[in-house]
Amino acid sequence: MIAYFWEQDDAVAVAERLGGEVRRGRFHGEDDDEDHPWLVVLDEVDQAALDELLTEHDGWLEPDTDAPPTTPPPLPTAPKRFKK
């Protein structure tokens, strides 16, 4: 799980309380290093405590896009016909 923060002090405070690792993140297309958020990489965390710290330090979570979907989408049973 990855939590994002705009201020390094906020990221360090959350990492110390939850035992995470602080890194510098990058958004696609951002050239200025000052515009990149700070990341806190967390393994297993109490969700209630994390939500409280995110609210307190103006942080947010991004959905995990690397995780495969839990169920695959349904496959078609026949070809699509556009004309009858």
PDB file of N, CA and C in Angstrom:
ATOM      1  N   MET A   1       0.854  -1.165   0.000  1.00  0.00           N
ATOM      2  CA  MET A   1       0.000   0.000   0.000  1.00  0.00           C
ATOM      3  C   MET A   1       0.902   1.230   0.000  1.00  0.00           C
ATOM      4  N   ILE A   2       0.513   2.240  -0.770  1.00  0.00           N
ATOM      5  CA  ILE A   2       1.313   3.452  -0.884  1.00  0.00           C
ATOM      6  C   ILE A   2       0.450   4.659  -0.528  1.00  0.00           C
ATOM      7  N   ALA A   3       0.937   5.459   0.418  1.00  0.00           N
ATOM      8  CA  ALA A   3       0.275   6.706   0.803  1.00  0.00           C
ATOM      9  C   ALA A   3       1.088   7.865   0.240  1.00  0.00           C
ATOM     10  N   TYR A   4       0.398   8.894  -0.248  1.00  0.00           N
ATOM     11  CA  TYR A   4       1.039  10.052  -0.870  1.00  0.00           C
ATOM     12  C   TYR A   4       0.856  11.289   0.001  1.00  0.00           C
ATOM     13  N   PHE A   5       1.905  12.119   0.056  1.00  0.00           N
ATOM     14  CA  PHE A   5       1.875  13.364   0.817  1.00  0.00           C
ATOM     15  C   PHE A   5       2.629  14.438   0.045  1.00  0.00           C
ATOM     16  N   TRP A   6       2.179  15.687   0.142  1.00  0.00           N
ATOM     17  CA  TRP A   6       2.864  16.788  -0.525  1.00  0.00           C
ATOM     18  C   TRP A   6       4.079  17.259   0.267  1.00  0.00           C
ATOM     19  N   GLU A   7       4.055  17.134   1.583  1.00  0.00           N
ATOM     20  CA  GLU A   7       5.152  17.623   2.425  1.00  0.00           C
ATOM     21  C   GLU A   7       5.989  16.454   2.947  1.00  0.00           C
ATOM     22  N   GLN A   8       7.299  16.609   2.915  1.00  0.00           N
ATOM     23  CA  GLN A   8       8.190  15.569   3.403  1.00  0.00           C
ATOM     24  C   GLN A   8       7.997  15.325   4.898  1.00  0.00           C
ATOM     25  N   ASP A   9       7.785  16.370   5.666  1.00  0.00           N
ATOM     26  CA  ASP A   9       7.589  16.221   7.116  1.00  0.00           C
ATOM     27  C   ASP A   9       6.385  15.351   7.424  1.00  0.00           C
ATOM     28  N   ASP A  10       5.305  15.515   6.656  1.00  0.00           N
ATOM     29  CA  ASP A  10       4.113  14.695   6.861  1.00  0.00           C
ATOM     30  C   ASP A  10       4.400  13.234   6.540  1.00  0.00           C
ATOM     31  N   ALA A  11       5.111  12.991   5.445  1.00  0.00           N
ATOM     32  CA  ALA A  11       5.438  11.620   5.057  1.00  0.00           C
ATOM     33  C   ALA A  11       6.325  10.950   6.104  1.00  0.00           C
ATOM     34  N   VAL A  12       7.306  11.673   6.620  1.00  0.00           N
ATOM     35  CA  VAL A  12       8.205  11.117   7.632  1.00  0.00           C
ATOM     36  C   VAL A  12       7.437  10.807   8.921  1.00  0.00           C
ATOM     37  N   ALA A  13       6.526  11.702   9.320  1.00  0.00           N
ATOM     38  CA  ALA A  13       5.749  11.478  10.544  1.00  0.00           C
ATOM     39  C   ALA A  13       4.887  10.225  10.429  1.00  0.00           C
ATOM     40  N   VAL A  14       4.251  10.039   9.292  1.00  0.00           N
ATOM     41  CA  VAL A  14       3.402   8.856   9.092  1.00  0.00           C
ATOM     42  C   VAL A  14       4.264   7.596   9.019  1.00  0.00           C
ATOM     43  N   ALA A  15       5.387   7.666   8.334  1.00  0.00           N
ATOM     44  CA  ALA A  15       6.269   6.501   8.230  1.00  0.00           C
ATOM     45  C   ALA A  15       6.794   6.069   9.592  1.00  0.00           C
ATOM     46  N   GLU A  16       7.123   7.025  10.441  1.00  0.00           N
ATOM     47  CA  GLU A  16       7.611   6.687  11.781  1.00  0.00           C
ATOM     48  C   GLU A  16       6.519   6.031  12.620  1.00  0.00           C
ATOM     49  N   ARG A  17       5.289   6.503  12.488  1.00  0.00           N
ATOM     50  CA  ARG A  17       4.195   5.939  13.302  1.00  0.00           C
ATOM     51  C   ARG A  17       3.754   4.574  12.813  1.00  0.00           C
ATOM     52  N   LEU A  18       3.825   4.333  11.486  1.00  0.00           N
ATOM     53  CA  LEU A  18       3.314   3.076  10.936  1.00  0.00           C
ATOM     54  C   LEU A  18       4.410   2.126  10.457  1.00  0.00           C
ATOM     55  N   GLY A  19       5.666   2.541  10.569  1.00  0.00           N
ATOM     56  CA  GLY A  19       6.766   1.662  10.175  1.00  0.00           C
ATOM     57  C   GLY A  19       6.909   1.521   8.672  1.00  0.00           C
ATOM     58  N   GLY A  20       6.742   2.613   7.937  1.00  0.00           N
ATOM     59  CA  GLY A  20       6.869   2.575   6.486  1.00  0.00           C
ATOM     60  C   GLY A  20       8.186   3.153   6.011  1.00  0.00           C
ATOM     61  N   GLU A  21       8.363   3.156   4.694  1.00  0.00           N
ATOM     62  CA  GLU A  21       9.571   3.683   4.071  1.00  0.00           C
ATOM     63  C   GLU A  21       9.205   4.900   3.228  1.00  0.00           C
ATOM     64  N   VAL A  22       9.956   5.993   3.379  1.00  0.00           N
ATOM     65  CA  VAL A  22       9.677   7.233   2.655  1.00  0.00           C
ATOM     66  C   VAL A  22      10.497   7.266   1.368  1.00  0.00           C
ATOM     67  N   ARG A  23       9.829   7.609   0.265  1.00  0.00           N
ATOM     68  CA  ARG A  23      10.484   7.759  -1.034  1.00  0.00           C
ATOM     69  C   ARG A  23       9.947   9.000  -1.721  1.00  0.00           C
ATOM     70  N   ARG A  24      10.612   9.428  -2.753  1.00  0.00           N
ATOM     71  CA  ARG A  24      10.123  10.553  -3.552  1.00  0.00           C
ATOM     72  C   ARG A  24       9.389   9.983  -4.751  1.00  0.00           C
ATOM     73  N   GLY A  25       8.167  10.407  -4.961  1.00  0.00           N
ATOM     74  CA  GLY A  25       7.354   9.904  -6.058  1.00  0.00           C
ATOM     75  C   GLY A  25       7.442  10.779  -7.285  1.00  0.00           C
ATOM     76  N   ARG A  26       6.914  10.304  -8.371  1.00  0.00           N
ATOM     77  CA  ARG A  26       6.881  11.068  -9.619  1.00  0.00           C
ATOM     78  C   ARG A  26       5.529  10.861 -10.289  1.00  0.00           C
ATOM     79  N   PHE A  27       4.986  11.953 -10.802  1.00  0.00           N
ATOM     80  CA  PHE A  27       3.801  11.877 -11.639  1.00  0.00           C
ATOM     81  C   PHE A  27       4.262  11.918 -13.089  1.00  0.00           C
ATOM     82  N   HIS A  28       3.563  11.250 -13.971  1.00  0.00           N
ATOM     83  CA  HIS A  28       3.913  11.265 -15.386  1.00  0.00           C
ATOM     84  C   HIS A  28       3.782  12.679 -15.937  1.00  0.00           C
ATOM     85  N   GLY A  29       4.794  13.127 -16.645  1.00  0.00           N
ATOM     86  CA  GLY A  29       4.756  14.427 -17.275  1.00  0.00           C
ATOM     87  C   GLY A  29       5.219  15.577 -16.403  1.00  0.00           C
ATOM     88  N   GLU A  30       5.595  15.326 -15.171  1.00  0.00           N
ATOM     89  CA  GLU A  30       6.073  16.398 -14.287  1.00  0.00           C
ATOM     90  C   GLU A  30       7.574  16.565 -14.454  1.00  0.00           C
ATOM     91  N   ASP A  31       8.010  17.782 -14.746  1.00  0.00           N
ATOM     92  CA  ASP A  31       9.434  18.050 -14.924  1.00  0.00           C
ATOM     93  C   ASP A  31      10.082  18.617 -13.666  1.00  0.00           C
ATOM     94  N   ASP A  32       9.342  19.367 -12.899  1.00  0.00           N
ATOM     95  CA  ASP A  32       9.883  20.056 -11.735  1.00  0.00           C
ATOM     96  C   ASP A  32       9.898  19.114 -10.541  1.00  0.00           C
ATOM     97  N   ASP A  33      11.079  18.902  -9.939  1.00  0.00           N
ATOM     98  CA  ASP A  33      11.186  17.985  -8.799  1.00  0.00           C
ATOM     99  C   ASP A  33      10.382  18.452  -7.591  1.00  0.00           C
ATOM    100  N   GLU A  34      10.133  19.743  -7.475  1.00  0.00           N
ATOM    101  CA  GLU A  34       9.386  20.257  -6.326  1.00  0.00           C
ATOM    102  C   GLU A  34       7.909  19.882  -6.391  1.00  0.00           C
ATOM    103  N   ASP A  35       7.424  19.497  -7.563  1.00  0.00           N
ATOM    104  CA  ASP A  35       6.012  19.146  -7.719  1.00  0.00           C
ATOM    105  C   ASP A  35       5.734  17.676  -7.431  1.00  0.00           C
ATOM    106  N   HIS A  36       6.758  16.894  -7.177  1.00  0.00           N
ATOM    107  CA  HIS A  36       6.560  15.473  -6.939  1.00  0.00           C
ATOM    108  C   HIS A  36       6.167  15.225  -5.487  1.00  0.00           C
ATOM    109  N   PRO A  37       5.212  14.332  -5.259  1.00  0.00           N
ATOM    110  CA  PRO A  37       4.803  14.039  -3.885  1.00  0.00           C
ATOM    111  C   PRO A  37       5.798  13.102  -3.195  1.00  0.00           C
ATOM    112  N   TRP A  38       5.640  12.984  -1.902  1.00  0.00           N
ATOM    113  CA  TRP A  38       6.422  12.045  -1.097  1.00  0.00           C
ATOM    114  C   TRP A  38       5.571  10.812  -0.885  1.00  0.00           C
ATOM    115  N   LEU A  39       6.179   9.625  -0.992  1.00  0.00           N
ATOM    116  CA  LEU A  39       5.478   8.364  -0.840  1.00  0.00           C
ATOM    117  C   LEU A  39       5.872   7.709   0.472  1.00  0.00           C
ATOM    118  N   VAL A  40       4.918   7.044   1.081  1.00  0.00           N
ATOM    119  CA  VAL A  40       5.201   6.186   2.222  1.00  0.00           C
ATOM    120  C   VAL A  40       4.741   4.793   1.828  1.00  0.00           C
ATOM    121  N   VAL A  41       5.692   3.877   1.691  1.00  0.00           N
ATOM    122  CA  VAL A  41       5.396   2.502   1.309  1.00  0.00           C
ATOM    123  C   VAL A  41       5.140   1.710   2.585  1.00  0.00           C
ATOM    124  N   LEU A  42       3.956   1.119   2.671  1.00  0.00           N
ATOM    125  CA  LEU A  42       3.533   0.398   3.869  1.00  0.00           C
ATOM    126  C   LEU A  42       3.234  -1.053   3.522  1.00  0.00           C
ATOM    127  N   ASP A  43       3.568  -1.956   4.440  1.00  0.00           N
ATOM    128  CA  ASP A  43       3.260  -3.371   4.217  1.00  0.00           C
ATOM    129  C   ASP A  43       1.845  -3.673   4.691  1.00  0.00           C
ATOM    130  N   GLU A  44       1.700  -3.966   5.951  1.00  0.00           N
ATOM    131  CA  GLU A  44       0.376  -4.239   6.515  1.00  0.00           C
ATOM    132  C   GLU A  44       0.097  -3.203   7.585  1.00  0.00           C
ATOM    133  N   VAL A  45      -1.084  -2.583   7.503  1.00  0.00           N
ATOM    134  CA  VAL A  45      -1.391  -1.457   8.366  1.00  0.00           C
ATOM    135  C   VAL A  45      -2.835  -1.566   8.841  1.00  0.00           C
ATOM    136  N   ASP A  46      -3.074  -1.057  10.042  1.00  0.00           N
ATOM    137  CA  ASP A  46      -4.439  -0.915  10.540  1.00  0.00           C
ATOM    138  C   ASP A  46      -5.106   0.195   9.715  1.00  0.00           C
ATOM    139  N   GLN A  47      -6.143  -0.153   8.979  1.00  0.00           N
ATOM    140  CA  GLN A  47      -6.775   0.799   8.061  1.00  0.00           C
ATOM    141  C   GLN A  47      -7.352   2.009   8.788  1.00  0.00           C
ATOM    142  N   ALA A  48      -7.901   1.824   9.973  1.00  0.00           N
ATOM    143  CA  ALA A  48      -8.472   2.944  10.727  1.00  0.00           C
ATOM    144  C   ALA A  48      -7.383   3.942  11.126  1.00  0.00           C
ATOM    145  N   ALA A  49      -6.244   3.433  11.581  1.00  0.00           N
ATOM    146  CA  ALA A  49      -5.128   4.317  11.958  1.00  0.00           C
ATOM    147  C   ALA A  49      -4.587   5.046  10.737  1.00  0.00           C
ATOM    148  N   LEU A  50      -4.502   4.348   9.620  1.00  0.00           N
ATOM    149  CA  LEU A  50      -4.011   4.979   8.396  1.00  0.00           C
ATOM    150  C   LEU A  50      -4.962   6.074   7.923  1.00  0.00           C
ATOM    151  N   ASP A  51      -6.263   5.819   7.951  1.00  0.00           N
ATOM    152  CA  ASP A  51      -7.241   6.831   7.549  1.00  0.00           C
ATOM    153  C   ASP A  51      -7.143   8.074   8.419  1.00  0.00           C
ATOM    154  N   GLU A  52      -6.958   7.882   9.716  1.00  0.00           N
ATOM    155  CA  GLU A  52      -6.828   9.014  10.641  1.00  0.00           C
ATOM    156  C   GLU A  52      -5.580   9.840  10.330  1.00  0.00           C
ATOM    157  N   LEU A  53      -4.450   9.151  10.064  1.00  0.00           N
ATOM    158  CA  LEU A  53      -3.213   9.862   9.749  1.00  0.00           C
ATOM    159  C   LEU A  53      -3.283  10.561   8.387  1.00  0.00           C
ATOM    160  N   LEU A  54      -3.962   9.948   7.424  1.00  0.00           N
ATOM    161  CA  LEU A  54      -4.119  10.586   6.118  1.00  0.00           C
ATOM    162  C   LEU A  54      -4.922  11.873   6.238  1.00  0.00           C
ATOM    163  N   THR A  55      -5.961  11.844   7.048  1.00  0.00           N
ATOM    164  CA  THR A  55      -6.774  13.041   7.258  1.00  0.00           C
ATOM    165  C   THR A  55      -5.971  14.114   7.988  1.00  0.00           C
ATOM    166  N   GLU A  56      -5.234  13.703   8.989  1.00  0.00           N
ATOM    167  CA  GLU A  56      -4.452  14.652   9.796  1.00  0.00           C
ATOM    168  C   GLU A  56      -3.344  15.326   8.995  1.00  0.00           C
ATOM    169  N   HIS A  57      -2.704  14.574   8.078  1.00  0.00           N
ATOM    170  CA  HIS A  57      -1.548  15.089   7.346  1.00  0.00           C
ATOM    171  C   HIS A  57      -1.847  15.386   5.877  1.00  0.00           C
ATOM    172  N   ASP A  58      -3.105  15.465   5.497  1.00  0.00           N
ATOM    173  CA  ASP A  58      -3.516  15.776   4.121  1.00  0.00           C
ATOM    174  C   ASP A  58      -2.890  14.829   3.102  1.00  0.00           C
ATOM    175  N   GLY A  59      -2.972  13.548   3.367  1.00  0.00           N
ATOM    176  CA  GLY A  59      -2.444  12.545   2.451  1.00  0.00           C
ATOM    177  C   GLY A  59      -3.565  11.824   1.730  1.00  0.00           C
ATOM    178  N   TRP A  60      -3.183  10.955   0.811  1.00  0.00           N
ATOM    179  CA  TRP A  60      -4.181  10.175   0.087  1.00  0.00           C
ATOM    180  C   TRP A  60      -3.561   8.850  -0.349  1.00  0.00           C
ATOM    181  N   LEU A  61      -4.435   7.912  -0.723  1.00  0.00           N
ATOM    182  CA  LEU A  61      -4.034   6.604  -1.235  1.00  0.00           C
ATOM    183  C   LEU A  61      -4.398   6.531  -2.705  1.00  0.00           C
ATOM    184  N   GLU A  62      -3.568   5.895  -3.478  1.00  0.00           N
ATOM    185  CA  GLU A  62      -3.876   5.630  -4.880  1.00  0.00           C
ATOM    186  C   GLU A  62      -4.259   4.158  -4.982  1.00  0.00           C
ATOM    187  N   PRO A  63      -5.212   3.841  -5.844  1.00  0.00           N
ATOM    188  CA  PRO A  63      -5.559   2.433  -6.013  1.00  0.00           C
ATOM    189  C   PRO A  63      -4.396   1.661  -6.613  1.00  0.00           C
ATOM    190  N   ASP A  64      -4.282   0.410  -6.249  1.00  0.00           N
ATOM    191  CA  ASP A  64      -3.208  -0.447  -6.735  1.00  0.00           C
ATOM    192  C   ASP A  64      -3.561  -0.897  -8.151  1.00  0.00           C
ATOM    193  N   THR A  65      -2.878  -0.350  -9.150  1.00  0.00           N
ATOM    194  CA  THR A  65      -3.185  -0.680 -10.542  1.00  0.00           C
ATOM    195  C   THR A  65      -2.456  -1.928 -11.009  1.00  0.00           C
ATOM    196  N   ASP A  66      -1.481  -2.417 -10.239  1.00  0.00           N
ATOM    197  CA  ASP A  66      -0.738  -3.607 -10.629  1.00  0.00           C
ATOM    198  C   ASP A  66      -1.454  -4.896 -10.264  1.00  0.00           C
ATOM    199  N   ALA A  67      -2.447  -4.805  -9.412  1.00  0.00           N
ATOM    200  CA  ALA A  67      -3.159  -5.997  -8.972  1.00  0.00           C
ATOM    201  C   ALA A  67      -4.071  -6.497 -10.094  1.00  0.00           C
ATOM    202  N   PRO A  68      -4.049  -7.793 -10.360  1.00  0.00           N
ATOM    203  CA  PRO A  68      -4.936  -8.319 -11.400  1.00  0.00           C
ATOM    204  C   PRO A  68      -6.390  -8.270 -10.929  1.00  0.00           C
ATOM    205  N   PRO A  69      -7.329  -8.171 -11.851  1.00  0.00           N
ATOM    206  CA  PRO A  69      -8.728  -8.164 -11.432  1.00  0.00           C
ATOM    207  C   PRO A  69      -9.092  -9.485 -10.752  1.00  0.00           C
ATOM    208  N   THR A  70     -10.012  -9.409  -9.829  1.00  0.00           N
ATOM    209  CA  THR A  70     -10.378 -10.615  -9.078  1.00  0.00           C
ATOM    210  C   THR A  70     -11.090 -11.627  -9.954  1.00  0.00           C
ATOM    211  N   THR A  71     -11.927 -11.179 -10.877  1.00  0.00           N
ATOM    212  CA  THR A  71     -12.578 -12.086 -11.818  1.00  0.00           C
ATOM    213  C   THR A  71     -12.372 -11.533 -13.225  1.00  0.00           C
ATOM    214  N   PRO A  72     -12.074 -12.393 -14.165  1.00  0.00           N
ATOM    215  CA  PRO A  72     -11.878 -11.900 -15.525  1.00  0.00           C
ATOM    216  C   PRO A  72     -13.209 -11.465 -16.140  1.00  0.00           C
ATOM    217  N   PRO A  73     -13.163 -10.568 -17.106  1.00  0.00           N
ATOM    218  CA  PRO A  73     -14.406 -10.152 -17.749  1.00  0.00           C
ATOM    219  C   PRO A  73     -15.001 -11.309 -18.542  1.00  0.00           C
ATOM    220  N   PRO A  74     -16.307 -11.312 -18.737  1.00  0.00           N
ATOM    221  CA  PRO A  74     -16.926 -12.425 -19.481  1.00  0.00           C
ATOM    222  C   PRO A  74     -16.515 -12.388 -20.953  1.00  0.00           C
ATOM    223  N   LEU A  75     -16.302 -13.568 -21.503  1.00  0.00           N
ATOM    224  CA  LEU A  75     -15.936 -13.681 -22.902  1.00  0.00           C
ATOM    225  C   LEU A  75     -17.195 -13.793 -23.756  1.00  0.00           C
ATOM    226  N   PRO A  76     -17.150 -13.310 -24.989  1.00  0.00           N
ATOM    227  CA  PRO A  76     -18.325 -13.448 -25.849  1.00  0.00           C
ATOM    228  C   PRO A  76     -18.559 -14.908 -26.215  1.00  0.00           C
ATOM    229  N   THR A  77     -19.802 -15.253 -26.409  1.00  0.00           N
ATOM    230  CA  THR A  77     -20.148 -16.633 -26.766  1.00  0.00           C
ATOM    231  C   THR A  77     -20.299 -16.797 -28.276  1.00  0.00           C
ATOM    232  N   ALA A  78     -20.451 -15.690 -28.982  1.00  0.00           N
ATOM    233  CA  ALA A  78     -20.595 -15.739 -30.441  1.00  0.00           C
ATOM    234  C   ALA A  78     -20.059 -14.441 -31.025  1.00  0.00           C
ATOM    235  N   PRO A  79     -19.773 -14.440 -32.333  1.00  0.00           N
ATOM    236  CA  PRO A  79     -19.300 -13.197 -32.937  1.00  0.00           C
ATOM    237  C   PRO A  79     -20.402 -12.147 -32.971  1.00  0.00           C
ATOM    238  N   LYS A  80     -20.015 -10.884 -32.927  1.00  0.00           N
ATOM    239  CA  LYS A  80     -20.989  -9.802 -32.992  1.00  0.00           C
ATOM    240  C   LYS A  80     -21.408  -9.597 -34.444  1.00  0.00           C
ATOM    241  N   ARG A  81     -22.693  -9.416 -34.651  1.00  0.00           N
ATOM    242  CA  ARG A  81     -23.219  -9.150 -35.978  1.00  0.00           C
ATOM    243  C   ARG A  81     -23.728  -7.710 -36.007  1.00  0.00           C
ATOM    244  N   PHE A  82     -23.198  -6.930 -36.945  1.00  0.00           N
ATOM    245  CA  PHE A  82     -23.623  -5.548 -37.064  1.00  0.00           C
ATOM    246  C   PHE A  82     -24.755  -5.373 -38.062  1.00  0.00           C
ATOM    247  N   LYS A  83     -24.844  -6.251 -39.040  1.00  0.00           N
ATOM    248  CA  LYS A  83     -25.908  -6.199 -40.041  1.00  0.00           C
ATOM    249  C   LYS A  83     -26.715  -7.472 -39.971  1.00  0.00           C
ATOM    250  N   LYS A  84     -28.007  -7.336 -40.239  1.00  0.00           N
ATOM    251  CA  LYS A  84     -28.868  -8.536 -40.178  1.00  0.00           C
ATOM    252  C   LYS A  84     -29.268  -8.987 -41.547  1.00  0.00           C
TER     253      LYS A  84
END
